[in-house]
Protein backbone atom coordinates (compact mmCIF):
# COMPACT_ATOMS: atom_id res chain seq x y z
CA MET A 1 257.97 89.04 98.49
CA ILE A 2 261.76 89.33 99.75
CA PHE A 3 263.61 86.98 101.86
CA PRO A 4 263.43 87.77 105.66
CA LEU A 5 266.89 88.85 106.11
CA LYS A 6 266.04 90.74 109.50
CA GLU A 7 264.78 87.44 111.06
CA LEU A 8 267.60 85.56 109.30
CA ILE A 9 270.16 87.72 110.96
CA GLU A 10 268.46 87.67 114.44
CA TYR A 11 267.72 83.91 114.74
CA ASP A 12 270.36 82.50 117.31
CA GLU A 13 269.06 78.92 117.00
CA ASN A 14 270.66 76.02 114.71
CA MET A 15 270.55 77.37 111.35
CA TYR A 16 271.03 74.09 109.89
CA GLU A 17 267.66 72.83 110.94
CA VAL A 18 265.88 76.24 110.03
CA THR A 19 267.45 76.18 106.79
CA THR A 20 266.37 72.33 106.42
CA ALA A 21 262.67 73.47 107.22
CA ALA A 22 262.83 76.02 104.76
CA SER A 23 263.73 74.32 102.26
CA ARG A 24 261.38 71.07 102.61
CA ARG A 25 258.34 73.94 103.32
CA ALA A 26 259.34 75.37 99.89
CA TYR A 27 259.24 71.60 98.32
CA GLN A 28 255.69 71.11 99.96
CA LEU A 29 254.52 74.56 98.51
CA SER A 30 255.57 73.92 95.09
CA SER A 31 254.16 70.37 95.10
CA VAL A 32 250.82 71.32 96.29
CA MET A 33 250.08 74.71 94.44
CA GLU A 34 248.48 74.96 91.35
CA LYS A 35 250.25 76.38 88.34
CA GLU A 36 248.29 79.81 88.52
CA GLU A 37 249.05 80.26 92.12
CA LYS A 38 253.01 79.37 91.40
CA ASP A 39 253.09 82.04 88.57
CA ASP A 40 251.94 84.76 91.12
CA TYR A 41 255.11 83.88 93.35
CA ASP A 42 257.41 84.04 90.44
CA GLY A 43 259.65 81.30 91.73
CA LYS A 44 260.02 82.61 95.27
CA MET A 45 258.79 79.54 96.95
CA VAL A 46 262.18 79.67 99.20
CA ALA A 47 261.60 83.18 100.43
CA LEU A 48 257.67 82.38 101.14
CA ALA A 49 258.70 79.11 102.76
CA ALA A 50 261.42 81.24 105.04
CA ARG A 51 259.08 83.66 105.95
CA GLN A 52 256.50 80.86 107.31
CA VAL A 53 259.29 79.19 109.40
CA PHE A 54 260.78 82.60 110.81
CA THR A 55 257.35 83.87 111.65
CA GLU A 56 256.31 80.51 113.33
CA GLU A 57 253.41 80.37 110.78
CA VAL A 58 254.67 76.91 109.93
CA GLN A 59 256.48 75.07 112.88
CA PHE A 60 259.22 72.57 112.40
CA ARG A 61 260.46 69.97 114.79
CA LEU A 62 263.67 67.36 114.56
CA GLU A 63 262.91 63.87 114.49
CA ILE A 64 265.70 61.32 115.87
CA GLU A 65 265.32 58.08 115.18
């Protein structure tokens, strides 16, 4: 799996928000996946998370306190 460069280039919203969302999603994925599943992704959790965020498979929102 490669990092979604096309989506990254075309993204015209707040880059900090999408970067934070992808890194938090990568953390979630690495926390819940079993060791065997992690081995299949060969350490590419950030690429998987970024793809999920850019394709809106996973949605995020900014919470202001």
